[in-house]
């Protein structure tokens, strides 16, 4: 199935309209009204908390002169509120050329100070101003809303490092997103056969930065599963891991993500994490002259004759 020939600006504009309609577009400063941080274990999750019937009743009561209420058989009985769900935020951004680790295995070459072992790997990237109308004017609002949201969840006496926000070489603000590559198997799934796409995400064929780490990857097969990066091309097909850098680095995308917070007591530091839920490709990366591939002919039609200048030499 080939992608429809839709101009980039149209694709971006359509994505923006859908994002605004969702109620979770970060380019709309009013979305913070129904968002709040909810404790979940040792972390805090930014969650969507809709207004309940009780909230609406209290709002109506403020404008009422009634001093006595009489219960009736038709009264609305409000049960316990449903658990808050993580808010899936949306933004249209450009994936930065720098600080790009959104490769198949996040560039893992072995245990280091960031990842003690492969199971800890979380491929990541920095995102910045998309640089294309009409969404480039929304980006300052995106940053402002994210700064407001993170400021509402801080630990007294802690500082916030560069875990989420950072600066580009030109001083522009960007933020970081990541993907959890592995998930613990909680049940056994029998797969009768594998299609070509799923094979690309198999333990045997999954691309690695260093093939010597294949044994460490295979050791996870009985306890974990590989979670494909939910990134989709123009035809809404999932992007295979070998094409992440070619299609995503420098691309304009619509990204859906959740936001979490936790504190590191030993460092007295607040950490914020943007966890990718979906990436939709909107505009392909612009190739630079430095990244052009050298073309080598497979056949020469005739002998190369030296020029007059080279012949004299």
C-alpha atoms as a PDB file:
ATOM      1  CA  UNK A   1       0.000   0.000   0.000  1.00  0.00           C
ATOM      2  CA  UNK A   2       1.519   3.309  -1.041  1.00  0.00           C
ATOM      3  CA  UNK A   3       1.087   6.515   0.918  1.00  0.00           C
ATOM      4  CA  UNK A   4      -1.271   9.150  -0.515  1.00  0.00           C
ATOM      5  CA  UNK A   5       0.497  12.095  -2.129  1.00  0.00           C
ATOM      6  CA  UNK A   6      -0.412  14.696   0.486  1.00  0.00           C
ATOM      7  CA  UNK A   7       1.630  17.935   0.771  1.00  0.00           C
ATOM      8  CA  UNK A   8       3.640  18.199   3.982  1.00  0.00           C
ATOM      9  CA  UNK A   9       1.882  21.387   5.130  1.00  0.00           C
ATOM     10  CA  UNK A  10      -1.518  19.737   4.675  1.00  0.00           C
ATOM     11  CA  UNK A  11      -0.401  16.696   6.630  1.00  0.00           C
ATOM     12  CA  UNK A  12       0.880  18.899   9.462  1.00  0.00           C
ATOM     13  CA  UNK A  13      -2.252  21.076   9.483  1.00  0.00           C
ATOM     14  CA  UNK A  14      -4.549  18.055   9.614  1.00  0.00           C
ATOM     15  CA  UNK A  15      -2.547  16.535  12.458  1.00  0.00           C
ATOM     16  CA  UNK A  16      -2.713  19.809  14.385  1.00  0.00           C
ATOM     17  CA  UNK A  17      -6.506  20.005  14.021  1.00  0.00           C
ATOM     18  CA  UNK A  18      -6.929  16.441  15.284  1.00  0.00           C
ATOM     19  CA  UNK A  19      -4.545  17.092  18.183  1.00  0.00           C
ATOM     20  CA  UNK A  20      -6.503  20.191  19.250  1.00  0.00           C
ATOM     21  CA  UNK A  21      -9.787  18.247  19.070  1.00  0.00           C
ATOM     22  CA  UNK A  22      -8.346  15.551  21.355  1.00  0.00           C
ATOM     23  CA  UNK A  23      -8.106  17.997  24.263  1.00  0.00           C
ATOM     24  CA  UNK A  24      -4.492  17.001  24.988  1.00  0.00           C
ATOM     25  CA  UNK A  25      -2.573  19.197  22.539  1.00  0.00           C
ATOM     26  CA  UNK A  26       0.247  20.944  24.375  1.00  0.00           C
ATOM     27  CA  UNK A  27      -0.056  23.900  22.017  1.00  0.00           C
ATOM     28  CA  UNK A  28      -3.329  24.721  23.816  1.00  0.00           C
ATOM     29  CA  UNK A  29      -2.607  26.320  27.198  1.00  0.00           C
ATOM     30  CA  UNK A  30      -6.076  25.476  28.577  1.00  0.00           C
ATOM     31  CA  UNK A  31      -5.483  21.708  28.727  1.00  0.00           C
ATOM     32  CA  UNK A  32      -3.974  21.957  32.212  1.00  0.00           C
ATOM     33  CA  UNK A  33      -7.449  22.402  33.753  1.00  0.00           C
ATOM     34  CA  UNK A  34      -8.150  18.659  33.913  1.00  0.00           C
ATOM     35  CA  UNK A  35      -4.592  17.445  34.466  1.00  0.00           C
ATOM     36  CA  UNK A  36      -3.056  16.599  37.824  1.00  0.00           C
ATOM     37  CA  UNK A  37      -0.246  14.509  39.251  1.00  0.00           C
ATOM     38  CA  UNK A  38      -1.321  11.208  40.809  1.00  0.00           C
ATOM     39  CA  UNK A  39       0.919   9.066  43.012  1.00  0.00           C
ATOM     40  CA  UNK A  40       1.636   5.599  41.601  1.00  0.00           C
ATOM     41  CA  UNK A  41       4.034   3.579  43.723  1.00  0.00           C
ATOM     42  CA  UNK A  42       7.268   5.545  43.993  1.00  0.00           C
ATOM     43  CA  UNK A  43       6.477   7.744  41.011  1.00  0.00           C
ATOM     44  CA  UNK A  44       3.960  10.430  40.093  1.00  0.00           C
ATOM     45  CA  UNK A  45       2.018  10.155  36.835  1.00  0.00           C
ATOM     46  CA  UNK A  46       0.432  13.146  35.097  1.00  0.00           C
ATOM     47  CA  UNK A  47      -3.184  12.060  34.781  1.00  0.00           C
ATOM     48  CA  UNK A  48      -6.438  13.136  33.242  1.00  0.00           C
ATOM     49  CA  UNK A  49      -9.044  13.847  35.909  1.00  0.00           C
ATOM     50  CA  UNK A  50     -12.403  14.810  34.367  1.00  0.00           C
ATOM     51  CA  UNK A  51     -14.885  16.897  36.290  1.00  0.00           C
ATOM     52  CA  UNK A  52     -17.297  14.639  38.188  1.00  0.00           C
ATOM     53  CA  UNK A  53     -20.999  15.083  38.795  1.00  0.00           C
ATOM     54  CA  UNK A  54     -20.104  16.153  42.340  1.00  0.00           C
ATOM     55  CA  UNK A  55     -17.797  18.872  41.059  1.00  0.00           C
ATOM     56  CA  UNK A  56     -20.517  20.179  38.771  1.00  0.00           C
ATOM     57  CA  UNK A  57     -23.052  20.126  41.618  1.00  0.00           C
ATOM     58  CA  UNK A  58     -20.763  22.132  43.881  1.00  0.00           C
ATOM     59  CA  UNK A  59     -20.250  24.671  41.114  1.00  0.00           C
ATOM     60  CA  UNK A  60     -24.022  25.036  40.671  1.00  0.00           C
ATOM     61  CA  UNK A  61     -24.546  25.361  44.427  1.00  0.00           C
ATOM     62  CA  UNK A  62     -22.360  28.443  44.573  1.00  0.00           C
ATOM     63  CA  UNK A  63     -24.874  30.332  42.474  1.00  0.00           C
ATOM     64  CA  UNK A  64     -27.977  28.998  44.246  1.00  0.00           C
ATOM     65  CA  UNK A  65     -29.954  30.625  47.069  1.00  0.00           C
ATOM     66  CA  UNK A  66     -31.470  27.310  48.231  1.00  0.00           C
ATOM     67  CA  UNK A  67     -30.723  26.618  51.894  1.00  0.00           C
ATOM     68  CA  UNK A  68     -32.388  23.201  52.109  1.00  0.00           C
ATOM     69  CA  UNK A  69     -32.266  20.190  49.834  1.00  0.00           C
ATOM     70  CA  UNK A  70     -34.812  17.408  49.826  1.00  0.00           C
ATOM     71  CA  UNK A  71     -33.669  13.999  48.609  1.00  0.00           C
ATOM     72  CA  UNK A  72     -35.896  12.266  46.084  1.00  0.00           C
ATOM     73  CA  UNK A  73     -36.091   8.932  44.375  1.00  0.00           C
ATOM     74  CA  UNK A  74     -34.789  10.601  41.223  1.00  0.00           C
ATOM     75  CA  UNK A  75     -31.586  11.839  42.874  1.00  0.00           C
ATOM     76  CA  UNK A  76     -28.297  10.986  41.125  1.00  0.00           C
ATOM     77  CA  UNK A  77     -26.149   8.721  43.265  1.00  0.00           C
ATOM     78  CA  UNK A  78     -22.472   9.320  42.600  1.00  0.00           C
ATOM     79  CA  UNK A  79     -20.302   6.280  43.177  1.00  0.00           C
ATOM     80  CA  UNK A  80     -16.555   6.222  43.778  1.00  0.00           C
ATOM     81  CA  UNK A  81     -14.546   8.051  41.153  1.00  0.00           C
ATOM     82  CA  UNK A  82     -12.835   5.820  38.564  1.00  0.00           C
ATOM     83  CA  UNK A  83      -9.042   5.614  38.850  1.00  0.00           C
ATOM     84  CA  UNK A  84      -7.231   8.420  37.064  1.00  0.00           C
ATOM     85  CA  UNK A  85      -5.720   7.450  33.732  1.00  0.00           C
ATOM     86  CA  UNK A  86      -2.335   8.694  32.504  1.00  0.00           C
ATOM     87  CA  UNK A  87      -2.821  11.728  30.263  1.00  0.00           C
ATOM     88  CA  UNK A  88      -1.549  11.053  26.745  1.00  0.00           C
ATOM     89  CA  UNK A  89      -0.181  14.422  25.712  1.00  0.00           C
ATOM     90  CA  UNK A  90       0.276  15.435  22.081  1.00  0.00           C
ATOM     91  CA  UNK A  91       2.753  17.727  20.361  1.00  0.00           C
ATOM     92  CA  UNK A  92       4.055  18.354  16.852  1.00  0.00           C
ATOM     93  CA  UNK A  93       7.823  18.674  16.970  1.00  0.00           C
ATOM     94  CA  UNK A  94      11.041  18.067  15.082  1.00  0.00           C
ATOM     95  CA  UNK A  95      13.248  15.247  16.315  1.00  0.00           C
ATOM     96  CA  UNK A  96      16.595  16.911  16.917  1.00  0.00           C
ATOM     97  CA  UNK A  97      19.604  15.823  14.898  1.00  0.00           C
ATOM     98  CA  UNK A  98      21.689  15.974  18.055  1.00  0.00           C
ATOM     99  CA  UNK A  99      21.145  13.761  21.107  1.00  0.00           C
ATOM    100  CA  UNK A 100      19.477  11.118  18.951  1.00  0.00           C
ATOM    101  CA  UNK A 101      19.523   7.695  20.603  1.00  0.00           C
ATOM    102  CA  UNK A 102      16.233   6.448  19.163  1.00  0.00           C
ATOM    103  CA  UNK A 103      17.962   3.579  17.404  1.00  0.00           C
ATOM    104  CA  UNK A 104      16.910  -0.053  17.743  1.00  0.00           C
ATOM    105  CA  UNK A 105      18.906  -0.684  20.937  1.00  0.00           C
ATOM    106  CA  UNK A 106      19.616   2.907  21.946  1.00  0.00           C
ATOM    107  CA  UNK A 107      23.285   2.551  21.028  1.00  0.00           C
ATOM    108  CA  UNK A 108      23.904  -0.010  23.779  1.00  0.00           C
ATOM    109  CA  UNK A 109      27.438  -1.431  23.608  1.00  0.00           C
ATOM    110  CA  UNK A 110      27.596  -2.941  27.078  1.00  0.00           C
ATOM    111  CA  UNK A 111      27.155  -2.082  30.781  1.00  0.00           C
ATOM    112  CA  UNK A 112      27.839   1.581  31.563  1.00  0.00           C
ATOM    113  CA  UNK A 113      26.893   4.321  34.025  1.00  0.00           C
ATOM    114  CA  UNK A 114      23.509   4.834  32.350  1.00  0.00           C
ATOM    115  CA  UNK A 115      22.418   1.253  31.659  1.00  0.00           C
ATOM    116  CA  UNK A 116      23.756  -1.473  33.923  1.00  0.00           C
ATOM    117  CA  UNK A 117      22.427  -4.157  31.576  1.00  0.00           C
ATOM    118  CA  UNK A 118      20.502  -4.459  28.323  1.00  0.00           C
ATOM    119  CA  UNK A 119      17.113  -4.878  30.007  1.00  0.00           C
ATOM    120  CA  UNK A 120      17.436  -1.281  31.289  1.00  0.00           C
ATOM    121  CA  UNK A 121      17.803   0.207  27.787  1.00  0.00           C
ATOM    122  CA  UNK A 122      15.388   3.015  26.904  1.00  0.00           C
ATOM    123  CA  UNK A 123      16.100   4.510  23.440  1.00  0.00           C
ATOM    124  CA  UNK A 124      15.587   8.281  23.513  1.00  0.00           C
ATOM    125  CA  UNK A 125      15.678  11.489  21.524  1.00  0.00           C
ATOM    126  CA  UNK A 126      15.403  15.231  22.032  1.00  0.00           C
ATOM    127  CA  UNK A 127      12.613  17.148  20.285  1.00  0.00           C
ATOM    128  CA  UNK A 128      12.501  20.817  19.406  1.00  0.00           C
ATOM    129  CA  UNK A 129      10.737  23.509  17.356  1.00  0.00           C
ATOM    130  CA  UNK A 130       9.308  21.901  14.186  1.00  0.00           C
ATOM    131  CA  UNK A 131      10.183  24.989  12.143  1.00  0.00           C
ATOM    132  CA  UNK A 132       7.133  24.722   9.908  1.00  0.00           C
ATOM    133  CA  UNK A 133       3.895  26.712   9.915  1.00  0.00           C
ATOM    134  CA  UNK A 134       1.427  26.670  11.539  1.00  0.00           C
ATOM    135  CA  UNK A 135       2.880  24.580  14.391  1.00  0.00           C
ATOM    136  CA  UNK A 136       6.134  26.483  14.888  1.00  0.00           C
ATOM    137  CA  UNK A 137       4.133  29.280  16.570  1.00  0.00           C
ATOM    138  CA  UNK A 138       2.643  26.693  18.941  1.00  0.00           C
ATOM    139  CA  UNK A 139       5.986  25.405  20.185  1.00  0.00           C
ATOM    140  CA  UNK A 140       6.648  28.182  22.758  1.00  0.00           C
ATOM    141  CA  UNK A 141       3.236  27.325  24.249  1.00  0.00           C
ATOM    142  CA  UNK A 142       4.207  23.631  24.321  1.00  0.00           C
ATOM    143  CA  UNK A 143       7.313  24.466  26.348  1.00  0.00           C
ATOM    144  CA  UNK A 144       5.392  26.848  28.613  1.00  0.00           C
ATOM    145  CA  UNK A 145       2.699  24.254  29.389  1.00  0.00           C
ATOM    146  CA  UNK A 146       5.302  21.554  30.114  1.00  0.00           C
ATOM    147  CA  UNK A 147       7.194  23.924  32.416  1.00  0.00           C
ATOM    148  CA  UNK A 148       3.962  24.711  34.274  1.00  0.00           C
ATOM    149  CA  UNK A 149       3.105  21.034  34.639  1.00  0.00           C
ATOM    150  CA  UNK A 150       6.539  19.980  35.908  1.00  0.00           C
ATOM    151  CA  UNK A 151       6.580  22.926  38.337  1.00  0.00           C
ATOM    152  CA  UNK A 152       3.470  21.481  39.994  1.00  0.00           C
ATOM    153  CA  UNK A 153       5.290  18.301  40.972  1.00  0.00           C
ATOM    154  CA  UNK A 154       8.502  19.024  42.856  1.00  0.00           C
ATOM    155  CA  UNK A 155      10.150  17.549  45.929  1.00  0.00           C
ATOM    156  CA  UNK A 156      11.057  20.100  48.626  1.00  0.00           C
ATOM    157  CA  UNK A 157      14.815  20.591  48.768  1.00  0.00           C
ATOM    158  CA  UNK A 158      15.395  18.861  45.418  1.00  0.00           C
ATOM    159  CA  UNK A 159      16.637  20.394  42.187  1.00  0.00           C
ATOM    160  CA  UNK A 160      15.679  19.455  38.643  1.00  0.00           C
ATOM    161  CA  UNK A 161      18.529  18.524  36.360  1.00  0.00           C
ATOM    162  CA  UNK A 162      18.603  18.087  32.599  1.00  0.00           C
ATOM    163  CA  UNK A 163      16.623  14.851  32.608  1.00  0.00           C
ATOM    164  CA  UNK A 164      13.791  16.440  30.616  1.00  0.00           C
ATOM    165  CA  UNK A 165      14.516  19.999  29.464  1.00  0.00           C
ATOM    166  CA  UNK A 166      17.772  20.999  27.798  1.00  0.00           C
ATOM    167  CA  UNK A 167      19.151  23.666  25.446  1.00  0.00           C
ATOM    168  CA  UNK A 168      20.287  23.450  21.843  1.00  0.00           C
ATOM    169  CA  UNK A 169      23.528  25.042  20.629  1.00  0.00           C
ATOM    170  CA  UNK A 170      21.519  28.158  19.729  1.00  0.00           C
ATOM    171  CA  UNK A 171      19.937  28.379  23.195  1.00  0.00           C
ATOM    172  CA  UNK A 172      16.499  27.100  22.177  1.00  0.00           C
ATOM    173  CA  UNK A 173      14.662  24.871  24.645  1.00  0.00           C
ATOM    174  CA  UNK A 174      13.997  21.250  23.802  1.00  0.00           C
ATOM    175  CA  UNK A 175      12.720  18.273  25.785  1.00  0.00           C
ATOM    176  CA  UNK A 176      13.539  14.594  25.906  1.00  0.00           C
ATOM    177  CA  UNK A 177      11.368  11.573  25.126  1.00  0.00           C
ATOM    178  CA  UNK A 178      12.147   7.904  25.603  1.00  0.00           C
ATOM    179  CA  UNK A 179      10.833   4.425  24.828  1.00  0.00           C
ATOM    180  CA  UNK A 180      10.855   1.371  27.109  1.00  0.00           C
ATOM    181  CA  UNK A 181      12.318  -1.334  24.893  1.00  0.00           C
ATOM    182  CA  UNK A 182      11.508  -4.340  27.075  1.00  0.00           C
ATOM    183  CA  UNK A 183       8.447  -5.458  28.993  1.00  0.00           C
ATOM    184  CA  UNK A 184       8.199  -8.298  31.491  1.00  0.00           C
ATOM    185  CA  UNK A 185       6.245 -11.317  30.260  1.00  0.00           C
ATOM    186  CA  UNK A 186       3.294 -11.801  32.594  1.00  0.00           C
ATOM    187  CA  UNK A 187       1.775 -14.608  30.550  1.00  0.00           C
ATOM    188  CA  UNK A 188       2.793 -16.976  27.811  1.00  0.00           C
ATOM    189  CA  UNK A 189       1.774 -16.012  24.296  1.00  0.00           C
ATOM    190  CA  UNK A 190       1.794 -18.662  21.593  1.00  0.00           C
ATOM    191  CA  UNK A 191       2.531 -17.210  18.171  1.00  0.00           C
ATOM    192  CA  UNK A 192       1.673 -19.744  15.430  1.00  0.00           C
ATOM    193  CA  UNK A 193       3.682 -17.982  12.739  1.00  0.00           C
ATOM    194  CA  UNK A 194       5.591 -14.780  12.159  1.00  0.00           C
ATOM    195  CA  UNK A 195       5.099 -12.275   9.381  1.00  0.00           C
ATOM    196  CA  UNK A 196       8.033 -10.404   7.872  1.00  0.00           C
ATOM    197  CA  UNK A 197       7.327  -7.297   9.930  1.00  0.00           C
ATOM    198  CA  UNK A 198       7.238  -9.119  13.262  1.00  0.00           C
ATOM    199  CA  UNK A 199      10.447 -10.951  12.383  1.00  0.00           C
ATOM    200  CA  UNK A 200      12.233  -7.580  12.416  1.00  0.00           C
ATOM    201  CA  UNK A 201      11.376  -7.340  16.128  1.00  0.00           C
ATOM    202  CA  UNK A 202      12.352 -10.902  17.020  1.00  0.00           C
ATOM    203  CA  UNK A 203      15.179 -11.651  19.453  1.00  0.00           C
ATOM    204  CA  UNK A 204      17.101 -13.439  16.707  1.00  0.00           C
ATOM    205  CA  UNK A 205      16.970 -10.637  14.121  1.00  0.00           C
ATOM    206  CA  UNK A 206      16.631  -7.453  16.194  1.00  0.00           C
ATOM    207  CA  UNK A 207      19.389  -5.003  15.091  1.00  0.00           C
ATOM    208  CA  UNK A 208      22.136  -4.424  17.638  1.00  0.00           C
ATOM    209  CA  UNK A 209      24.843  -1.781  17.778  1.00  0.00           C
ATOM    210  CA  UNK A 210      27.284  -4.487  18.740  1.00  0.00           C
ATOM    211  CA  UNK A 211      26.511  -8.067  17.710  1.00  0.00           C
ATOM    212  CA  UNK A 212      28.516  -9.406  20.651  1.00  0.00           C
ATOM    213  CA  UNK A 213      25.528  -8.431  22.834  1.00  0.00           C
ATOM    214  CA  UNK A 214      23.241 -10.950  21.048  1.00  0.00           C
ATOM    215  CA  UNK A 215      23.731 -13.520  23.832  1.00  0.00           C
ATOM    216  CA  UNK A 216      22.630 -10.988  26.462  1.00  0.00           C
ATOM    217  CA  UNK A 217      19.545 -10.195  24.375  1.00  0.00           C
ATOM    218  CA  UNK A 218      18.650 -13.858  23.860  1.00  0.00           C
ATOM    219  CA  UNK A 219      18.941 -14.447  27.614  1.00  0.00           C
ATOM    220  CA  UNK A 220      15.924 -12.137  28.076  1.00  0.00           C
ATOM    221  CA  UNK A 221      13.690 -14.158  25.765  1.00  0.00           C
ATOM    222  CA  UNK A 222      12.146 -16.298  28.515  1.00  0.00           C
ATOM    223  CA  UNK A 223      11.298 -13.392  30.810  1.00  0.00           C
ATOM    224  CA  UNK A 224      10.732 -10.357  28.592  1.00  0.00           C
ATOM    225  CA  UNK A 225       9.393  -9.311  25.217  1.00  0.00           C
ATOM    226  CA  UNK A 226      10.669  -6.639  22.854  1.00  0.00           C
ATOM    227  CA  UNK A 227       8.277  -3.700  22.608  1.00  0.00           C
ATOM    228  CA  UNK A 228       8.467  -2.186  19.104  1.00  0.00           C
ATOM    229  CA  UNK A 229       8.829   1.581  18.979  1.00  0.00           C
ATOM    230  CA  UNK A 230       5.292   2.701  18.005  1.00  0.00           C
ATOM    231  CA  UNK A 231       6.478   4.887  15.125  1.00  0.00           C
ATOM    232  CA  UNK A 232       4.453   4.954  11.897  1.00  0.00           C
ATOM    233  CA  UNK A 233       5.165   6.162   8.366  1.00  0.00           C
ATOM    234  CA  UNK A 234       2.910   8.042   5.932  1.00  0.00           C
ATOM    235  CA  UNK A 235       0.993   4.832   5.152  1.00  0.00           C
ATOM    236  CA  UNK A 236       0.418   4.231   8.879  1.00  0.00           C
ATOM    237  CA  UNK A 237       2.696   1.192   8.786  1.00  0.00           C
ATOM    238  CA  UNK A 238       5.073   0.619  11.670  1.00  0.00           C
ATOM    239  CA  UNK A 239       8.644   1.683  10.929  1.00  0.00           C
ATOM    240  CA  UNK A 240      11.148  -1.134  11.149  1.00  0.00           C
ATOM    241  CA  UNK A 241      14.063  -0.681  13.578  1.00  0.00           C
ATOM    242  CA  UNK A 242      16.696  -0.583  10.851  1.00  0.00           C
ATOM    243  CA  UNK A 243      15.069   2.578   9.425  1.00  0.00           C
ATOM    244  CA  UNK A 244      14.720   4.615  12.637  1.00  0.00           C
ATOM    245  CA  UNK A 245      17.690   6.888  12.013  1.00  0.00           C
ATOM    246  CA  UNK A 246      16.973   7.380   8.302  1.00  0.00           C
ATOM    247  CA  UNK A 247      13.283   8.248   8.767  1.00  0.00           C
ATOM    248  CA  UNK A 248      13.126   9.848  12.213  1.00  0.00           C
ATOM    249  CA  UNK A 249      16.323  11.773  12.913  1.00  0.00           C
ATOM    250  CA  UNK A 250      15.510  15.367  11.911  1.00  0.00           C
ATOM    251  CA  UNK A 251      11.903  14.543  10.942  1.00  0.00           C
ATOM    252  CA  UNK A 252       8.780  16.519  11.880  1.00  0.00           C
ATOM    253  CA  UNK A 253       6.449  14.208  13.783  1.00  0.00           C
ATOM    254  CA  UNK A 254       3.305  14.146  15.850  1.00  0.00           C
ATOM    255  CA  UNK A 255       4.214  12.526  19.150  1.00  0.00           C
ATOM    256  CA  UNK A 256       1.942  11.167  21.865  1.00  0.00           C
ATOM    257  CA  UNK A 257       3.525  10.649  25.285  1.00  0.00           C
ATOM    258  CA  UNK A 258       2.872  10.362  28.998  1.00  0.00           C
ATOM    259  CA  UNK A 259       4.744  12.289  31.675  1.00  0.00           C
ATOM    260  CA  UNK A 260       6.082  10.865  34.921  1.00  0.00           C
ATOM    261  CA  UNK A 261       8.113  12.138  37.886  1.00  0.00           C
ATOM    262  CA  UNK A 262      10.250  10.543  40.550  1.00  0.00           C
ATOM    263  CA  UNK A 263      12.890  11.720  42.963  1.00  0.00           C
ATOM    264  CA  UNK A 264      16.453  10.485  43.432  1.00  0.00           C
ATOM    265  CA  UNK A 265      17.125  10.753  47.146  1.00  0.00           C
ATOM    266  CA  UNK A 266      20.899  10.231  46.945  1.00  0.00           C
ATOM    267  CA  UNK A 267      21.258  13.167  44.539  1.00  0.00           C
ATOM    268  CA  UNK A 268      18.290  15.189  45.856  1.00  0.00           C
ATOM    269  CA  UNK A 269      17.114  15.592  42.308  1.00  0.00           C
ATOM    270  CA  UNK A 270      13.711  15.570  40.620  1.00  0.00           C
ATOM    271  CA  UNK A 271      13.552  13.571  37.398  1.00  0.00           C
ATOM    272  CA  UNK A 272      10.853  13.848  34.732  1.00  0.00           C
ATOM    273  CA  UNK A 273      10.333  11.316  31.974  1.00  0.00           C
ATOM    274  CA  UNK A 274       8.411  11.640  28.726  1.00  0.00           C
ATOM    275  CA  UNK A 275       7.382   8.120  27.733  1.00  0.00           C
ATOM    276  CA  UNK A 276       6.535   7.653  24.049  1.00  0.00           C
ATOM    277  CA  UNK A 277       3.101   6.237  23.252  1.00  0.00           C
ATOM    278  CA  UNK A 278       3.094   6.881  19.507  1.00  0.00           C
ATOM    279  CA  UNK A 279       5.076   8.700  16.827  1.00  0.00           C
ATOM    280  CA  UNK A 280       3.505   9.598  13.502  1.00  0.00           C
ATOM    281  CA  UNK A 281       5.782  10.776  10.708  1.00  0.00           C
ATOM    282  CA  UNK A 282       4.629  14.051   9.119  1.00  0.00           C
ATOM    283  CA  UNK A 283       7.642  15.455   7.246  1.00  0.00           C
ATOM    284  CA  UNK A 284      10.717  13.478   6.237  1.00  0.00           C
ATOM    285  CA  UNK A 285      14.150  14.660   7.396  1.00  0.00           C
ATOM    286  CA  UNK A 286      15.952  17.095   5.126  1.00  0.00           C
ATOM    287  CA  UNK A 287      19.116  15.479   3.829  1.00  0.00           C
ATOM    288  CA  UNK A 288      22.244  17.587   4.132  1.00  0.00           C
ATOM    289  CA  UNK A 289      25.159  17.635   1.755  1.00  0.00           C
ATOM    290  CA  UNK A 290      27.376  16.089   4.422  1.00  0.00           C
ATOM    291  CA  UNK A 291      25.115  13.055   4.621  1.00  0.00           C
ATOM    292  CA  UNK A 292      24.946  12.359   0.881  1.00  0.00           C
ATOM    293  CA  UNK A 293      25.894   8.845  -0.037  1.00  0.00           C
ATOM    294  CA  UNK A 294      28.621   8.345  -2.610  1.00  0.00           C
ATOM    295  CA  UNK A 295      27.278   6.663  -5.750  1.00  0.00           C
ATOM    296  CA  UNK A 296      29.497   4.082  -7.374  1.00  0.00           C
ATOM    297  CA  UNK A 297      28.692   2.784 -10.848  1.00  0.00           C
ATOM    298  CA  UNK A 298      28.491  -0.965 -11.354  1.00  0.00           C
ATOM    299  CA  UNK A 299      29.607  -0.643 -15.006  1.00  0.00           C
ATOM    300  CA  UNK A 300      31.818   1.730 -16.977  1.00  0.00           C
ATOM    301  CA  UNK A 301      30.630   2.428 -20.496  1.00  0.00           C
ATOM    302  CA  UNK A 302      34.056   3.553 -21.718  1.00  0.00           C
ATOM    303  CA  UNK A 303      37.588   4.140 -20.569  1.00  0.00           C
ATOM    304  CA  UNK A 304      38.096   7.366 -18.673  1.00  0.00           C
ATOM    305  CA  UNK A 305      40.285   9.651 -20.777  1.00  0.00           C
ATOM    306  CA  UNK A 306      42.608  12.025 -18.931  1.00  0.00           C
ATOM    307  CA  UNK A 307      41.941  15.726 -19.223  1.00  0.00           C
ATOM    308  CA  UNK A 308      44.517  17.985 -20.920  1.00  0.00           C
ATOM    309  CA  UNK A 309      45.616  19.363 -17.540  1.00  0.00           C
ATOM    310  CA  UNK A 310      46.200  15.959 -15.986  1.00  0.00           C
ATOM    311  CA  UNK A 311      47.845  14.668 -19.188  1.00  0.00           C
ATOM    312  CA  UNK A 312      50.477  17.434 -19.013  1.00  0.00           C
ATOM    313  CA  UNK A 313      51.288  16.477 -15.463  1.00  0.00           C
END
